[in-house]
Amino acid sequence: MIVTLDHLRRAPGFGVRDGFCAQGGREWFAYYGLDWNAFVRDGIDAELLQATGDALALHVIAFAREEAARGQQ
C-alpha cells in the first residue's frame, strides 16, 4: 500500500485540527532518513513507514488503510 501526502494532510490529528503540516512532515522524514521529495511526488510504501515504529507513521498508515477499505485513495 502506498501512503501519500494527501493521507498525511487529512489523517485525524492528535490536536484540534485534522492532518499534519508539511513542515513537520519534512522534519519527520529527515529524522528517519526518508526522502521527502520522493514521498511528495510518489508516496511511500506503508512498510517503509511501519519499519520506523513511530506512532505518527502507524497512525497515518491506519488512516490510509481505512480510506482504502472504504474505496478511497
PDB file of N, CA and C in Angstrom:
ATOM      1  N   MET A   1       0.830  -1.172   0.000  1.00  0.00           N
ATOM      2  CA  MET A   1       0.000   0.000   0.000  1.00  0.00           C
ATOM      3  C   MET A   1       0.880   1.243   0.000  1.00  0.00           C
ATOM      4  N   ILE A   2       0.461   2.238  -0.764  1.00  0.00           N
ATOM      5  CA  ILE A   2       1.198   3.493  -0.843  1.00  0.00           C
ATOM      6  C   ILE A   2       0.497   4.548   0.012  1.00  0.00           C
ATOM      7  N   VAL A   3       1.264   5.173   0.868  1.00  0.00           N
ATOM      8  CA  VAL A   3       0.778   6.279   1.697  1.00  0.00           C
ATOM      9  C   VAL A   3       1.207   7.563   0.998  1.00  0.00           C
ATOM     10  N   THR A   4       0.275   8.503   0.892  1.00  0.00           N
ATOM     11  CA  THR A   4       0.543   9.733   0.150  1.00  0.00           C
ATOM     12  C   THR A   4       0.535  10.968   1.045  1.00  0.00           C
ATOM     13  N   LEU A   5       0.971  12.064   0.474  1.00  0.00           N
ATOM     14  CA  LEU A   5       0.926  13.345   1.170  1.00  0.00           C
ATOM     15  C   LEU A   5      -0.514  13.692   1.534  1.00  0.00           C
ATOM     16  N   ASP A   6      -1.444  13.345   0.682  1.00  0.00           N
ATOM     17  CA  ASP A   6      -2.853  13.597   0.969  1.00  0.00           C
ATOM     18  C   ASP A   6      -3.284  12.871   2.243  1.00  0.00           C
ATOM     19  N   HIS A   7      -2.829  11.644   2.425  1.00  0.00           N
ATOM     20  CA  HIS A   7      -3.131  10.924   3.668  1.00  0.00           C
ATOM     21  C   HIS A   7      -2.577  11.691   4.875  1.00  0.00           C
ATOM     22  N   LEU A   8      -1.347  12.136   4.755  1.00  0.00           N
ATOM     23  CA  LEU A   8      -0.708  12.865   5.856  1.00  0.00           C
ATOM     24  C   LEU A   8      -1.489  14.134   6.186  1.00  0.00           C
ATOM     25  N   ARG A   9      -1.938  14.837   5.168  1.00  0.00           N
ATOM     26  CA  ARG A   9      -2.654  16.098   5.374  1.00  0.00           C
ATOM     27  C   ARG A   9      -4.076  15.910   5.892  1.00  0.00           C
ATOM     28  N   ARG A  10      -4.674  14.744   5.651  1.00  0.00           N
ATOM     29  CA  ARG A  10      -6.063  14.522   6.044  1.00  0.00           C
ATOM     30  C   ARG A  10      -6.247  13.608   7.252  1.00  0.00           C
ATOM     31  N   ALA A  11      -5.202  12.918   7.667  1.00  0.00           N
ATOM     32  CA  ALA A  11      -5.323  11.993   8.807  1.00  0.00           C
ATOM     33  C   ALA A  11      -5.762  12.756  10.045  1.00  0.00           C
ATOM     34  N   PRO A  12      -6.689  12.177  10.792  1.00  0.00           N
ATOM     35  CA  PRO A  12      -7.083  12.842  12.039  1.00  0.00           C
ATOM     36  C   PRO A  12      -5.845  13.100  12.895  1.00  0.00           C
ATOM     37  N   GLY A  13      -5.705  14.326  13.323  1.00  0.00           N
ATOM     38  CA  GLY A  13      -4.514  14.706  14.071  1.00  0.00           C
ATOM     39  C   GLY A  13      -4.609  14.375  15.538  1.00  0.00           C
ATOM     40  N   PHE A  14      -3.575  14.680  16.224  1.00  0.00           N
ATOM     41  CA  PHE A  14      -3.536  14.474  17.658  1.00  0.00           C
ATOM     42  C   PHE A  14      -3.944  15.750  18.390  1.00  0.00           C
ATOM     43  N   GLY A  15      -4.298  16.763  17.607  1.00  0.00           N
ATOM     44  CA  GLY A  15      -4.692  18.045  18.181  1.00  0.00           C
ATOM     45  C   GLY A  15      -6.099  18.413  17.762  1.00  0.00           C
ATOM     46  N   VAL A  16      -6.355  19.691  17.693  1.00  0.00           N
ATOM     47  CA  VAL A  16      -7.682  20.203  17.384  1.00  0.00           C
ATOM     48  C   VAL A  16      -8.041  19.987  15.916  1.00  0.00           C
ATOM     49  N   ARG A  17      -7.091  20.176  15.025  1.00  0.00           N
ATOM     50  CA  ARG A  17      -7.356  20.068  13.588  1.00  0.00           C
ATOM     51  C   ARG A  17      -6.848  18.751  13.026  1.00  0.00           C
ATOM     52  N   ASP A  18      -7.527  18.280  11.972  1.00  0.00           N
ATOM     53  CA  ASP A  18      -7.069  17.076  11.282  1.00  0.00           C
ATOM     54  C   ASP A  18      -5.833  17.396  10.454  1.00  0.00           C
ATOM     55  N   GLY A  19      -5.092  16.355  10.158  1.00  0.00           N
ATOM     56  CA  GLY A  19      -3.941  16.485   9.279  1.00  0.00           C
ATOM     57  C   GLY A  19      -2.681  16.929   9.994  1.00  0.00           C
ATOM     58  N   PHE A  20      -1.596  16.797   9.280  1.00  0.00           N
ATOM     59  CA  PHE A  20      -0.285  17.172   9.777  1.00  0.00           C
ATOM     60  C   PHE A  20       0.360  18.095   8.764  1.00  0.00           C
ATOM     61  N   CYS A  21       1.113  19.063   9.215  1.00  0.00           N
ATOM     62  CA  CYS A  21       1.684  20.081   8.326  1.00  0.00           C
ATOM     63  C   CYS A  21       2.878  19.530   7.549  1.00  0.00           C
ATOM     64  N   ALA A  22       3.101  20.143   6.399  1.00  0.00           N
ATOM     65  CA  ALA A  22       4.205  19.727   5.537  1.00  0.00           C
ATOM     66  C   ALA A  22       5.559  19.972   6.206  1.00  0.00           C
ATOM     67  N   GLN A  23       5.712  21.091   6.899  1.00  0.00           N
ATOM     68  CA  GLN A  23       6.986  21.383   7.554  1.00  0.00           C
ATOM     69  C   GLN A  23       7.345  20.303   8.570  1.00  0.00           C
ATOM     70  N   GLY A  24       6.385  19.926   9.388  1.00  0.00           N
ATOM     71  CA  GLY A  24       6.632  18.854  10.348  1.00  0.00           C
ATOM     72  C   GLY A  24       6.910  17.538   9.643  1.00  0.00           C
ATOM     73  N   GLY A  25       6.233  17.304   8.539  1.00  0.00           N
ATOM     74  CA  GLY A  25       6.465  16.095   7.751  1.00  0.00           C
ATOM     75  C   GLY A  25       7.879  16.039   7.212  1.00  0.00           C
ATOM     76  N   ARG A  26       8.347  17.178   6.688  1.00  0.00           N
ATOM     77  CA  ARG A  26       9.733  17.240   6.180  1.00  0.00           C
ATOM     78  C   ARG A  26      10.725  16.890   7.281  1.00  0.00           C
ATOM     79  N   GLU A  27      10.516  17.481   8.443  1.00  0.00           N
ATOM     80  CA  GLU A  27      11.420  17.229   9.568  1.00  0.00           C
ATOM     81  C   GLU A  27      11.358  15.769  10.002  1.00  0.00           C
ATOM     82  N   TRP A  28      10.155  15.217  10.024  1.00  0.00           N
ATOM     83  CA  TRP A  28       9.974  13.829  10.418  1.00  0.00           C
ATOM     84  C   TRP A  28      10.699  12.903   9.433  1.00  0.00           C
ATOM     85  N   PHE A  29      10.518  13.143   8.139  1.00  0.00           N
ATOM     86  CA  PHE A  29      11.186  12.330   7.119  1.00  0.00           C
ATOM     87  C   PHE A  29      12.702  12.443   7.253  1.00  0.00           C
ATOM     88  N   ALA A  30      13.210  13.647   7.476  1.00  0.00           N
ATOM     89  CA  ALA A  30      14.659  13.831   7.640  1.00  0.00           C
ATOM     90  C   ALA A  30      15.164  13.053   8.855  1.00  0.00           C
ATOM     91  N   TYR A  31      14.428  13.084   9.946  1.00  0.00           N
ATOM     92  CA  TYR A  31      14.822  12.376  11.163  1.00  0.00           C
ATOM     93  C   TYR A  31      15.013  10.884  10.895  1.00  0.00           C
ATOM     94  N   TYR A  32      14.133  10.313  10.070  1.00  0.00           N
ATOM     95  CA  TYR A  32      14.208   8.881   9.772  1.00  0.00           C
ATOM     96  C   TYR A  32      14.989   8.571   8.492  1.00  0.00           C
ATOM     97  N   GLY A  33      15.584   9.576   7.886  1.00  0.00           N
ATOM     98  CA  GLY A  33      16.393   9.362   6.688  1.00  0.00           C
ATOM     99  C   GLY A  33      15.574   8.959   5.473  1.00  0.00           C
ATOM    100  N   LEU A  34      14.324   9.422   5.417  1.00  0.00           N
ATOM    101  CA  LEU A  34      13.445   9.117   4.298  1.00  0.00           C
ATOM    102  C   LEU A  34      13.411  10.299   3.340  1.00  0.00           C
ATOM    103  N   ASP A  35      13.153  10.033   2.079  1.00  0.00           N
ATOM    104  CA  ASP A  35      13.178  11.048   1.030  1.00  0.00           C
ATOM    105  C   ASP A  35      11.830  11.775   0.941  1.00  0.00           C
ATOM    106  N   TRP A  36      11.790  12.987   1.470  1.00  0.00           N
ATOM    107  CA  TRP A  36      10.562  13.783   1.466  1.00  0.00           C
ATOM    108  C   TRP A  36      10.092  14.080   0.042  1.00  0.00           C
ATOM    109  N   ASN A  37      11.009  14.479  -0.833  1.00  0.00           N
ATOM    110  CA  ASN A  37      10.626  14.837  -2.200  1.00  0.00           C
ATOM    111  C   ASN A  37      10.027  13.654  -2.951  1.00  0.00           C
ATOM    112  N   ALA A  38      10.584  12.472  -2.763  1.00  0.00           N
ATOM    113  CA  ALA A  38      10.023  11.272  -3.394  1.00  0.00           C
ATOM    114  C   ALA A  38       8.634  10.983  -2.828  1.00  0.00           C
ATOM    115  N   PHE A  39       8.468  11.180  -1.526  1.00  0.00           N
ATOM    116  CA  PHE A  39       7.170  10.982  -0.899  1.00  0.00           C
ATOM    117  C   PHE A  39       6.129  11.927  -1.485  1.00  0.00           C
ATOM    118  N   VAL A  40       6.473  13.192  -1.611  1.00  0.00           N
ATOM    119  CA  VAL A  40       5.543  14.176  -2.168  1.00  0.00           C
ATOM    120  C   VAL A  40       5.170  13.788  -3.591  1.00  0.00           C
ATOM    121  N   ARG A  41       6.138  13.354  -4.360  1.00  0.00           N
ATOM    122  CA  ARG A  41       5.924  13.012  -5.765  1.00  0.00           C
ATOM    123  C   ARG A  41       5.183  11.685  -5.942  1.00  0.00           C
ATOM    124  N   ASP A  42       5.600  10.647  -5.203  1.00  0.00           N
ATOM    125  CA  ASP A  42       5.130   9.282  -5.480  1.00  0.00           C
ATOM    126  C   ASP A  42       4.438   8.588  -4.312  1.00  0.00           C
ATOM    127  N   GLY A  43       4.483   9.179  -3.134  1.00  0.00           N
ATOM    128  CA  GLY A  43       4.023   8.465  -1.956  1.00  0.00           C
ATOM    129  C   GLY A  43       5.129   7.547  -1.465  1.00  0.00           C
ATOM    130  N   ILE A  44       4.817   6.772  -0.431  1.00  0.00           N
ATOM    131  CA  ILE A  44       5.815   5.863   0.140  1.00  0.00           C
ATOM    132  C   ILE A  44       5.119   4.567   0.541  1.00  0.00           C
ATOM    133  N   ASP A  45       5.826   3.482   0.394  1.00  0.00           N
ATOM    134  CA  ASP A  45       5.273   2.189   0.771  1.00  0.00           C
ATOM    135  C   ASP A  45       5.034   2.152   2.274  1.00  0.00           C
ATOM    136  N   ALA A  46       3.864   1.713   2.665  1.00  0.00           N
ATOM    137  CA  ALA A  46       3.499   1.664   4.083  1.00  0.00           C
ATOM    138  C   ALA A  46       4.493   0.848   4.895  1.00  0.00           C
ATOM    139  N   GLU A  47       5.081  -0.169   4.301  1.00  0.00           N
ATOM    140  CA  GLU A  47       6.048  -0.997   5.035  1.00  0.00           C
ATOM    141  C   GLU A  47       7.273  -0.198   5.456  1.00  0.00           C
ATOM    142  N   LEU A  48       7.702   0.748   4.611  1.00  0.00           N
ATOM    143  CA  LEU A  48       8.846   1.582   4.980  1.00  0.00           C
ATOM    144  C   LEU A  48       8.505   2.475   6.163  1.00  0.00           C
ATOM    145  N   LEU A  49       7.306   3.029   6.159  1.00  0.00           N
ATOM    146  CA  LEU A  49       6.886   3.845   7.296  1.00  0.00           C
ATOM    147  C   LEU A  49       6.735   2.984   8.545  1.00  0.00           C
ATOM    148  N   GLN A  50       6.127   1.832   8.383  1.00  0.00           N
ATOM    149  CA  GLN A  50       5.895   0.942   9.523  1.00  0.00           C
ATOM    150  C   GLN A  50       7.214   0.524  10.176  1.00  0.00           C
ATOM    151  N   ALA A  51       8.234   0.369   9.370  1.00  0.00           N
ATOM    152  CA  ALA A  51       9.538  -0.061   9.893  1.00  0.00           C
ATOM    153  C   ALA A  51      10.132   0.948  10.873  1.00  0.00           C
ATOM    154  N   THR A  52       9.680   2.208  10.806  1.00  0.00           N
ATOM    155  CA  THR A  52      10.189   3.195  11.765  1.00  0.00           C
ATOM    156  C   THR A  52       9.665   2.906  13.168  1.00  0.00           C
ATOM    157  N   GLY A  53       8.489   2.276  13.257  1.00  0.00           N
ATOM    158  CA  GLY A  53       7.875   2.012  14.548  1.00  0.00           C
ATOM    159  C   GLY A  53       7.309   3.263  15.204  1.00  0.00           C
ATOM    160  N   ASP A  54       7.357   4.374  14.507  1.00  0.00           N
ATOM    161  CA  ASP A  54       6.910   5.653  15.042  1.00  0.00           C
ATOM    162  C   ASP A  54       5.382   5.726  15.104  1.00  0.00           C
ATOM    163  N   ALA A  55       4.857   6.297  16.176  1.00  0.00           N
ATOM    164  CA  ALA A  55       3.408   6.392  16.365  1.00  0.00           C
ATOM    165  C   ALA A  55       2.739   7.195  15.253  1.00  0.00           C
ATOM    166  N   LEU A  56       3.367   8.271  14.797  1.00  0.00           N
ATOM    167  CA  LEU A  56       2.800   9.067  13.709  1.00  0.00           C
ATOM    168  C   LEU A  56       2.683   8.218  12.450  1.00  0.00           C
ATOM    169  N   ALA A  57       3.726   7.489  12.124  1.00  0.00           N
ATOM    170  CA  ALA A  57       3.701   6.636  10.934  1.00  0.00           C
ATOM    171  C   ALA A  57       2.588   5.603  11.036  1.00  0.00           C
ATOM    172  N   LEU A  58       2.476   4.956  12.166  1.00  0.00           N
ATOM    173  CA  LEU A  58       1.454   3.929  12.342  1.00  0.00           C
ATOM    174  C   LEU A  58       0.054   4.531  12.270  1.00  0.00           C
ATOM    175  N   HIS A  59      -0.107   5.731  12.780  1.00  0.00           N
ATOM    176  CA  HIS A  59      -1.389   6.425  12.733  1.00  0.00           C
ATOM    177  C   HIS A  59      -1.783   6.753  11.286  1.00  0.00           C
ATOM    178  N   VAL A  60      -0.854   7.292  10.517  1.00  0.00           N
ATOM    179  CA  VAL A  60      -1.150   7.660   9.125  1.00  0.00           C
ATOM    180  C   VAL A  60      -1.389   6.410   8.281  1.00  0.00           C
ATOM    181  N   ILE A  61      -0.651   5.344   8.531  1.00  0.00           N
ATOM    182  CA  ILE A  61      -0.875   4.079   7.814  1.00  0.00           C
ATOM    183  C   ILE A  61      -2.278   3.557   8.109  1.00  0.00           C
ATOM    184  N   ALA A  62      -2.677   3.578   9.362  1.00  0.00           N
ATOM    185  CA  ALA A  62      -4.017   3.106   9.728  1.00  0.00           C
ATOM    186  C   ALA A  62      -5.081   3.929   9.018  1.00  0.00           C
ATOM    187  N   PHE A  63      -4.889   5.242   8.959  1.00  0.00           N
ATOM    188  CA  PHE A  63      -5.837   6.106   8.253  1.00  0.00           C
ATOM    189  C   PHE A  63      -5.885   5.750   6.769  1.00  0.00           C
ATOM    190  N   ALA A  64      -4.729   5.561   6.147  1.00  0.00           N
ATOM    191  CA  ALA A  64      -4.679   5.215   4.723  1.00  0.00           C
ATOM    192  C   ALA A  64      -5.376   3.879   4.460  1.00  0.00           C
ATOM    193  N   ARG A  65      -5.195   2.925   5.350  1.00  0.00           N
ATOM    194  CA  ARG A  65      -5.857   1.621   5.197  1.00  0.00           C
ATOM    195  C   ARG A  65      -7.375   1.751   5.345  1.00  0.00           C
ATOM    196  N   GLU A  66      -7.820   2.568   6.282  1.00  0.00           N
ATOM    197  CA  GLU A  66      -9.257   2.805   6.442  1.00  0.00           C
ATOM    198  C   GLU A  66      -9.840   3.433   5.173  1.00  0.00           C
ATOM    199  N   GLU A  67      -9.111   4.395   4.615  1.00  0.00           N
ATOM    200  CA  GLU A  67      -9.543   5.027   3.378  1.00  0.00           C
ATOM    201  C   GLU A  67      -9.638   4.016   2.246  1.00  0.00           C
ATOM    202  N   ALA A  68      -8.652   3.152   2.136  1.00  0.00           N
ATOM    203  CA  ALA A  68      -8.638   2.126   1.089  1.00  0.00           C
ATOM    204  C   ALA A  68      -9.810   1.153   1.268  1.00  0.00           C
ATOM    205  N   ALA A  69     -10.099   0.807   2.512  1.00  0.00           N
ATOM    206  CA  ALA A  69     -11.203  -0.124   2.783  1.00  0.00           C
ATOM    207  C   ALA A  69     -12.547   0.486   2.389  1.00  0.00           C
ATOM    208  N   ARG A  70     -12.627   1.809   2.447  1.00  0.00           N
ATOM    209  CA  ARG A  70     -13.862   2.496   2.034  1.00  0.00           C
ATOM    210  C   ARG A  70     -13.848   2.822   0.543  1.00  0.00           C
ATOM    211  N   GLY A  71     -12.815   2.383  -0.168  1.00  0.00           N
ATOM    212  CA  GLY A  71     -12.724   2.628  -1.599  1.00  0.00           C
ATOM    213  C   GLY A  71     -12.182   3.978  -1.967  1.00  0.00           C
ATOM    214  N   GLN A  72     -11.579   4.681  -0.995  1.00  0.00           N
ATOM    215  CA  GLN A  72     -10.962   5.961  -1.251  1.00  0.00           C
ATOM    216  C   GLN A  72      -9.466   5.786  -1.320  1.00  0.00           C
ATOM    217  N   GLN A  73      -8.797   6.761  -1.903  1.00  0.00           N
ATOM    218  CA  GLN A  73      -7.345   6.660  -2.020  1.00  0.00           C
ATOM    219  C   GLN A  73      -6.659   7.479  -1.004  1.00  0.00           C
TER     220      GLN A  73
END
